[in-house]
Protein backbone atom coordinates (compact mmCIF):
# COMPACT_ATOMS: atom_id res chain seq x y z
CA MET A 1 80.14 68.66 209.71
CA ALA A 2 81.97 66.99 206.81
CA GLU A 3 79.65 64.00 206.82
CA ASP A 4 76.41 64.33 204.84
CA PRO A 5 73.64 62.50 206.75
CA ASN A 6 71.99 61.70 203.42
CA ASP A 7 74.96 59.45 202.66
CA TRP A 8 74.48 57.42 205.84
CA ASP A 9 73.06 53.91 205.90
CA VAL A 10 69.70 53.38 207.61
CA ALA A 11 71.21 52.16 210.90
CA THR A 12 73.30 55.32 211.24
CA ARG A 13 70.40 57.61 210.34
CA LEU A 14 68.28 55.99 213.03
CA VAL A 15 70.88 56.63 215.73
CA ARG A 16 72.35 60.00 214.73
CA GLY A 17 69.90 61.72 212.40
CA GLY A 18 68.71 65.16 213.54
CA LEU A 19 70.98 65.18 216.60
CA ALA A 20 71.30 68.74 217.94
CA ARG A 21 73.43 68.92 221.08
CA SER A 22 73.34 71.83 223.47
CA GLU A 23 76.42 73.55 224.85
CA HIS A 24 76.61 70.75 227.43
CA GLY A 25 77.48 68.12 224.82
CA GLU A 26 74.97 65.51 226.05
CA ILE A 27 75.08 62.06 224.43
CA ALA A 28 71.35 61.31 224.83
CA GLU A 29 69.09 63.81 223.09
CA ALA A 30 68.05 66.67 225.35
CA LEU A 31 64.45 66.77 226.57
CA TYR A 32 63.12 70.32 226.46
CA LEU A 33 60.03 70.42 228.65
CA THR A 34 58.95 74.00 228.08
CA GLN A 35 55.77 75.62 226.85
CA SER A 36 57.35 78.85 225.61
CA PHE A 37 60.66 80.59 224.90
CA ALA A 38 62.26 83.87 225.96
CA TYR A 39 63.69 86.55 223.65
CA ASP A 40 66.62 88.90 224.15
CA SER A 41 64.49 91.89 223.17
CA ALA A 42 61.12 92.95 221.80
CA GLU A 43 62.80 93.33 218.43
CA ALA A 44 64.04 89.72 218.63
CA ALA A 45 60.50 88.51 219.36
CA ASP A 46 59.19 90.54 216.43
CA ALA A 47 61.81 89.08 214.09
CA ARG A 48 61.09 85.53 215.18
CA PHE A 49 57.30 85.83 214.86
CA SER A 50 57.63 87.43 211.44
CA GLY A 51 59.89 84.64 210.24
CA GLU A 52 62.77 87.01 209.63
CA LYS A 53 64.90 85.15 212.18
CA PRO A 54 64.70 81.39 212.88
CA GLY A 55 63.91 80.03 216.32
CA PHE A 56 61.24 78.52 218.50
CA ILE A 57 58.20 80.54 219.58
CA TYR A 58 55.77 78.31 221.43
CA ALA A 59 55.55 74.55 222.04
CA ARG A 60 52.43 74.29 219.91
CA TYR A 61 54.46 75.63 216.97
CA GLY A 62 57.64 73.67 217.60
CA ASN A 63 60.11 72.39 220.18
CA PRO A 64 63.82 71.42 219.99
CA THR A 65 63.20 67.80 221.01
CA VAL A 66 60.28 67.46 218.62
CA ALA A 67 62.41 69.02 215.86
CA MET A 68 65.10 66.36 216.38
CA PHE A 69 62.49 63.63 215.99
CA GLU A 70 61.10 65.28 212.86
CA GLU A 71 64.54 65.60 211.28
CA ARG A 72 65.50 62.01 212.08
CA LEU A 73 62.29 60.55 210.68
CA ALA A 74 62.52 62.74 207.55
CA LEU A 75 66.07 61.51 207.00
CA LEU A 76 64.91 57.89 207.34
CA GLU A 77 61.94 58.39 205.01
CA GLY A 78 63.88 60.35 202.43
CA ALA A 79 61.48 63.28 202.82
CA GLU A 80 62.34 66.97 202.73
CA THR A 81 60.18 67.76 205.76
CA CYS A 82 58.41 66.01 208.62
CA ARG A 83 55.80 67.45 210.94
CA ALA A 84 55.06 65.50 214.11
CA THR A 85 51.58 65.22 215.61
CA ALA A 86 50.08 64.02 218.87
CA SER A 87 48.82 60.73 217.42
CA GLY A 88 48.60 58.77 214.21
CA MET A 89 44.96 59.73 213.71
CA ALA A 90 45.85 63.40 214.20
CA ALA A 91 48.33 62.92 211.36
CA VAL A 92 45.77 61.25 209.09
CA HIS A 93 43.10 63.85 209.83
CA LEU A 94 45.43 66.79 209.21
CA ALA A 95 47.02 65.18 206.15
CA LEU A 96 43.62 64.87 204.48
CA MET A 97 41.83 68.01 205.66
CA GLY A 98 44.84 70.24 204.97
CA LEU A 99 44.50 69.37 201.29
CA LEU A 100 40.70 69.56 201.03
CA SER A 101 38.03 72.27 200.98
CA ALA A 102 34.25 72.32 200.70
CA GLY A 103 33.20 71.04 197.29
CA ASP A 104 36.28 68.88 196.81
CA HIS A 105 36.25 65.18 196.06
CA MET A 106 38.48 62.45 197.50
CA VAL A 107 39.06 58.88 196.30
CA SER A 108 40.06 56.28 198.89
CA SER A 109 40.53 52.56 199.15
CA LYS A 110 37.80 50.78 201.11
CA ALA A 111 40.23 48.80 203.23
CA LEU A 112 41.18 51.22 206.01
CA PHE A 113 41.51 51.39 209.78
CA GLY A 114 38.09 51.98 211.34
CA SER A 115 38.87 55.53 212.49
CA CYS A 116 40.07 56.45 208.99
CA ARG A 117 36.78 55.23 207.56
CA TRP A 118 34.95 57.34 210.15
CA ILE A 119 36.79 60.48 209.02
CA ILE A 120 35.89 59.73 205.40
CA ASN A 121 32.31 58.53 205.91
CA THR A 122 31.17 60.74 208.79
CA TRP A 123 33.47 63.69 209.43
CA ALA A 124 34.52 64.95 205.98
CA PRO A 125 30.95 65.11 204.59
CA ARG A 126 30.05 67.60 207.33
CA PHE A 127 32.40 70.04 205.60
CA GLY A 128 31.12 69.47 202.08
CA ILE A 129 33.76 66.92 201.06
CA GLU A 130 32.62 63.90 199.07
CA THR A 131 34.48 60.60 198.88
CA THR A 132 34.36 57.67 196.47
CA LEU A 133 35.55 54.36 197.92
CA VAL A 134 37.17 51.78 195.66
CA ASP A 135 38.76 48.36 195.93
CA GLY A 136 42.44 49.16 196.40
CA PRO A 137 43.88 46.52 194.04
CA ASP A 138 41.45 47.46 191.21
CA LEU A 139 43.28 50.06 189.11
CA ALA A 140 40.32 50.43 186.76
CA ALA A 141 38.18 51.43 189.74
CA TRP A 142 40.68 54.14 190.70
CA ARG A 143 40.62 55.53 187.16
CA ALA A 144 36.81 55.48 186.98
CA ALA A 145 36.48 57.27 190.32
CA MET A 146 38.51 60.34 189.34
CA ARG A 147 36.60 63.59 188.77
CA PRO A 148 37.57 67.12 187.78
CA ASN A 149 37.27 68.16 191.45
CA THR A 150 39.25 65.18 192.84
CA LYS A 151 41.94 66.70 195.05
CA VAL A 152 43.14 63.81 197.21
CA VAL A 153 43.75 60.09 196.84
CA PHE A 154 44.16 58.17 200.10
CA LEU A 155 45.21 54.60 200.77
CA GLU A 156 46.77 52.20 203.26
CA SER A 157 49.10 49.54 201.92
CA PRO A 158 49.28 47.01 203.45
CA ALA A 159 45.81 47.83 204.73
CA ASN A 160 44.40 47.24 208.17
CA PRO A 161 43.41 44.52 209.08
CA LEU A 162 43.67 41.99 206.22
CA LEU A 163 46.87 43.35 204.62
CA GLU A 164 45.38 44.22 201.25
CA ILE A 165 48.10 45.58 198.96
CA THR A 166 47.57 48.49 196.55
CA ASP A 167 49.94 49.23 193.67
CA ILE A 168 51.13 52.61 194.95
CA ALA A 169 53.09 53.62 191.85
CA ALA A 170 50.17 52.84 189.54
CA VAL A 171 47.66 54.74 191.69
CA CYS A 172 50.04 57.70 191.90
CA ALA A 173 50.24 57.78 188.10
CA ILE A 174 46.43 57.81 187.88
CA ALA A 175 46.24 60.59 190.47
CA ARG A 176 48.82 62.71 188.65
CA GLU A 177 46.69 62.64 185.52
CA ALA A 178 43.85 64.11 187.60
CA SER A 179 46.18 66.60 189.39
CA ALA A 180 45.29 65.01 192.72
CA LYS A 181 47.63 64.62 195.69
CA VAL A 182 48.33 61.11 197.01
CA VAL A 183 48.41 60.42 200.76
CA VAL A 184 49.70 57.00 201.85
CA ASP A 185 49.42 55.54 205.33
CA ASN A 186 52.61 53.47 205.53
CA VAL A 187 52.35 52.26 209.11
CA PHE A 188 52.16 48.50 208.42
CA ALA A 189 55.12 48.52 206.02
CA THR A 190 57.20 50.94 208.14
CA PRO A 191 59.84 53.19 206.53
CA LEU A 192 62.17 50.18 206.43
CA PHE A 193 60.18 48.06 203.99
CA GLN A 194 58.38 50.58 201.75
CA SER A 195 59.03 54.11 200.49
CA PRO A 196 55.81 55.65 199.15
CA LEU A 197 57.50 58.96 198.25
CA LYS A 198 59.85 57.11 195.89
CA LEU A 199 56.81 55.41 194.37
CA GLY A 200 55.22 58.78 193.59
CA ALA A 201 53.20 59.65 196.70
CA ASP A 202 53.00 63.29 197.81
CA ILE A 203 52.43 62.70 201.54
CA VAL A 204 53.24 59.80 203.86
CA VAL A 205 51.63 59.46 207.29
CA TYR A 206 52.55 57.33 210.28
CA SER A 207 51.21 56.40 213.62
CA ALA A 208 54.49 56.66 215.53
CA THR A 209 52.61 54.92 218.35
CA LYS A 210 53.23 51.69 216.49
CA HIS A 211 56.69 50.50 215.41
CA ILE A 212 58.50 53.81 215.92
CA ASP A 213 57.81 53.73 219.66
CA GLY A 214 57.32 49.98 219.53
CA GLN A 215 57.29 49.55 223.28
CA GLY A 216 53.77 50.49 224.33
CA ARG A 217 54.66 53.82 225.94
CA VAL A 218 53.36 56.87 224.06
CA LEU A 219 51.19 58.18 221.25
CA GLY A 220 52.60 60.05 218.26
CA GLY A 221 52.15 60.66 214.55
CA ALA A 222 53.95 62.17 211.58
CA ILE A 223 53.28 63.75 208.19
CA LEU A 224 56.11 63.73 205.64
CA GLY A 225 56.59 65.19 202.17
CA ALA A 226 58.08 68.02 200.15
CA SER A 227 58.79 71.20 202.11
CA ALA A 228 56.69 73.45 199.87
CA LEU A 229 53.61 71.24 200.17
CA ILE A 230 54.02 70.77 203.93
CA GLU A 231 54.35 74.55 204.37
CA GLU A 232 51.37 75.37 202.18
CA ALA A 233 48.95 72.72 203.39
CA TYR A 234 49.83 72.17 207.04
CA LYS A 235 51.77 75.05 208.63
CA ASP A 236 48.79 77.17 209.64
CA PRO A 237 46.44 74.29 210.57
CA MET A 238 49.13 72.83 212.83
CA ARG A 239 49.78 76.18 214.50
CA HIS A 240 46.17 77.08 215.08
CA THR A 241 44.38 73.79 215.76
CA GLY A 242 46.96 72.36 218.18
CA PRO A 243 47.77 68.72 217.25
CA ALA A 244 51.25 69.19 218.75
CA LEU A 245 53.42 66.25 219.81
CA SER A 246 54.53 66.30 223.44
CA PRO A 247 58.31 66.86 223.82
CA PHE A 248 58.45 63.92 226.24
CA ASN A 249 56.75 61.68 223.69
CA ALA A 250 59.13 62.96 221.01
CA TRP A 251 62.09 62.05 223.22
CA LEU A 252 60.80 58.50 223.66
CA LEU A 253 60.14 58.22 219.93
CA LEU A 254 63.73 59.31 219.25
CA LYS A 255 64.94 56.48 221.47
CA GLY A 256 62.54 54.12 219.69
CA LEU A 257 63.99 55.03 216.33
CA GLU A 258 67.45 53.96 217.51
CA THR A 259 66.32 50.33 217.66
CA LEU A 260 63.64 50.38 214.92
CA ASP A 261 65.74 48.50 212.37
CA LEU A 262 66.76 45.79 214.83
CA ARG A 263 63.26 45.31 216.21
CA VAL A 264 61.23 45.36 213.02
CA ARG A 265 63.51 43.04 211.05
CA ARG A 266 63.54 40.47 213.85
CA GLN A 267 59.75 40.73 214.32
CA SER A 268 59.18 40.36 210.58
CA GLU A 269 61.30 37.23 210.39
CA THR A 270 59.20 35.69 213.14
CA ALA A 271 55.94 36.86 211.54
CA ALA A 272 56.85 35.23 208.23
CA ALA A 273 57.64 31.93 209.94
CA LEU A 274 54.42 32.01 211.97
CA ALA A 275 52.39 32.81 208.85
CA ASP A 276 53.73 29.66 207.19
CA ARG A 277 52.78 27.55 210.22
CA LEU A 278 49.31 29.08 210.41
CA ALA A 279 48.65 28.63 206.71
CA ALA A 280 49.40 24.91 207.05
CA HIS A 281 47.15 24.41 210.09
CA ALA A 282 43.92 22.48 209.53
CA LYS A 283 41.80 24.93 211.54
CA VAL A 284 42.96 28.01 209.61
CA LEU A 285 40.78 28.75 206.58
CA ALA A 286 43.07 31.46 205.20
CA CYS A 287 46.21 33.29 206.27
CA ARG A 288 47.39 36.65 204.94
CA TYR A 289 50.99 37.79 204.94
CA PRO A 290 52.51 39.93 202.14
CA THR A 291 55.52 37.76 201.31
CA ARG A 292 53.55 34.52 201.04
CA SER A 293 52.89 33.45 197.46
CA ASP A 294 49.20 32.86 198.25
CA HIS A 295 48.61 36.50 199.19
CA PRO A 296 46.13 37.89 196.63
CA GLN A 297 48.47 40.78 195.76
CA HIS A 298 51.76 38.97 196.27
CA ALA A 299 53.26 40.20 192.99
CA VAL A 300 52.62 43.84 193.89
CA ALA A 301 53.91 43.32 197.44
CA THR A 302 57.12 41.79 196.10
CA ARG A 303 57.61 44.72 193.73
CA GLN A 304 57.12 47.58 196.18
CA MET A 305 58.01 46.10 199.58
CA SER A 306 61.40 44.80 200.73
CA GLY A 307 59.91 42.88 203.69
CA GLY A 308 56.60 41.51 204.86
CA GLY A 309 56.21 43.46 208.09
CA THR A 310 55.24 42.45 211.60
CA VAL A 311 51.50 41.83 211.15
CA LEU A 312 49.60 38.80 209.88
CA ALA A 313 45.92 37.88 209.77
CA PHE A 314 44.10 34.56 209.61
CA ASP A 315 40.52 33.32 209.40
CA LEU A 316 39.10 30.78 211.84
CA GLY A 317 35.64 30.82 210.29
CA THR A 318 33.46 32.13 213.12
CA ARG A 319 33.51 34.69 215.90
CA GLU A 320 33.18 31.89 218.46
CA ARG A 321 36.32 30.15 217.23
CA ALA A 322 38.19 33.46 217.05
CA PHE A 323 37.22 34.27 220.66
CA ALA A 324 38.17 30.76 221.82
CA PHE A 325 41.58 31.19 220.19
CA LEU A 326 42.16 34.60 221.78
CA ASN A 327 41.04 33.45 225.22
CA ALA A 328 43.42 30.47 225.13
CA LEU A 329 46.55 32.56 224.50
CA GLU A 330 48.98 32.63 227.43
CA ILE A 331 51.94 34.60 226.03
CA VAL A 332 50.37 36.76 223.32
CA ASP A 333 48.27 39.60 224.72
CA ILE A 334 44.75 40.44 223.57
CA SER A 335 45.21 44.06 222.51
CA ASN A 336 44.23 46.28 219.57
CA ASN A 337 47.67 47.92 219.25
CA LEU A 338 50.36 46.71 216.84
CA GLY A 339 54.08 47.10 216.16
CA ASP A 340 54.94 46.52 219.82
CA ALA A 341 57.83 44.50 221.26
CA LYS A 342 55.14 42.33 222.87
CA SER A 343 53.03 40.15 220.58
CA MET A 344 49.36 41.10 220.43
CA ALA A 345 46.25 39.59 218.88
CA THR A 346 42.88 41.19 218.29
CA HIS A 347 39.47 40.48 216.78
CA PRO A 348 39.08 43.36 214.30
CA THR A 349 35.32 43.02 213.86
CA THR A 350 34.70 43.85 217.51
CA THR A 351 37.65 46.20 218.13
CA THR A 352 39.60 48.18 215.52
CA HIS A 353 36.83 48.03 212.90
CA ARG A 354 33.81 48.05 215.20
CA SER A 355 32.76 51.54 214.06
CA MET A 356 32.20 50.23 210.52
CA THR A 357 28.84 48.76 209.59
CA GLU A 358 28.59 45.08 208.83
CA ASP A 359 28.18 45.85 205.14
CA GLN A 360 31.31 48.00 205.18
CA ARG A 361 33.29 45.23 206.85
CA LEU A 362 32.05 42.68 204.34
CA GLU A 363 33.11 45.00 201.50
CA ILE A 364 36.73 44.51 202.55
CA GLY A 365 36.33 40.80 203.30
CA LEU A 366 36.33 41.22 207.06
CA THR A 367 34.13 38.42 208.36
CA PRO A 368 33.84 37.58 212.10
CA GLY A 369 36.37 34.73 211.99
CA TRP A 370 39.42 36.89 211.26
CA VAL A 371 42.13 37.45 213.86
CA ARG A 372 44.96 39.96 213.43
CA VAL A 373 48.31 39.26 215.11
CA SER A 374 51.11 41.76 215.63
CA VAL A 375 54.28 39.75 216.19
CA GLY A 376 56.70 40.92 218.85
CA LEU A 377 60.21 40.11 220.00
CA GLU A 378 59.50 36.97 222.02
CA SER A 379 61.13 33.65 221.14
CA PRO A 380 59.69 32.33 217.86
CA ARG A 381 59.48 28.88 219.42
CA ASP A 382 57.48 30.14 222.40
CA LEU A 383 55.12 32.12 220.16
CA ALA A 384 54.55 29.12 217.90
CA ARG A 385 53.74 26.93 220.91
CA ASP A 386 51.32 29.50 222.33
CA ILE A 387 49.53 30.00 219.03
CA GLU A 388 49.26 26.30 218.20
CA ARG A 389 47.89 25.57 221.70
CA ALA A 390 45.29 28.29 221.24
CA LEU A 391 44.36 26.93 217.81
CA GLU A 392 43.57 23.58 219.44
CA ALA A 393 41.18 25.43 221.77
CA ALA A 394 39.48 26.94 218.73
């Protein structure tokens, strides 16, 4: 085609990126529900398995619908290559372990999703991998943590659940001096509001379950980066350990991408307005949202993010008040997911970060009074009324 997809604006990339129509000329992307593929001859099979000829071999290795999703997300992210996985945690696990071996060292921010901390604290050490945890905003701590055998730097920014912001470009510069690869979980910012690869990261990971689906339907994940690195670090582990994304899930994620820009921008506008109302409420001890000037890392957020995102967090002081607030909600659901079209609130201490010890939670400032809210597409007025009514119950 004459048009170069790399010249398209974001909205066009989200609708038409990676589109590969069959001979039938379908408008909606085709859903290829097949485990395997047939070959014209034994020689054709030999050529495809050897890599001499392109083509699909087995659904665990690749699928036409999954490939369309990968190409579209890579185009959005500005990455050379994307590899889709069955879930966001499959993406995080593979992104880290594909770059590490026994005897290697990893440096990570302390503020992470509970399952990410489990991989770092419990799983990786079983394979002889050591990790140093640092405060994400403390650049001196990142520098001090680097060792000759440091191979990977890992961070979330904004981090789950209190939206801690790390200076991605500065950490990438520190990592480059140590010849370490940087892996950034960009799920809270989404590809719309932050581009870690442009800031110097080597790998970006997503839970596509969140904003990319955005409608509570399926699980999915993605790893994005330079083609050579993706090939070297992840091709064989993906083929042989089986974290493959379902073609049906890929099809739904493709449809989710079509409306990602519309959904996330509207949700973020509402989130910013709700954050201002919460911060002014007498019962709220603290409210965190990246674009607010009272966010501890507001200057960094302003520099590397073009929007605040759909998630906010606020402190009601005690677990009892947090529970009273959650139980009084009538529109917002109590749920540990985020990025959905429906607004959701959760108590991180007892849900998403339950697997962490109390000391680990306190290290990142997560005390029992914090509530995390993922803002959806409902009327801002209705959400404000629901939240303020629940605050009175707290």
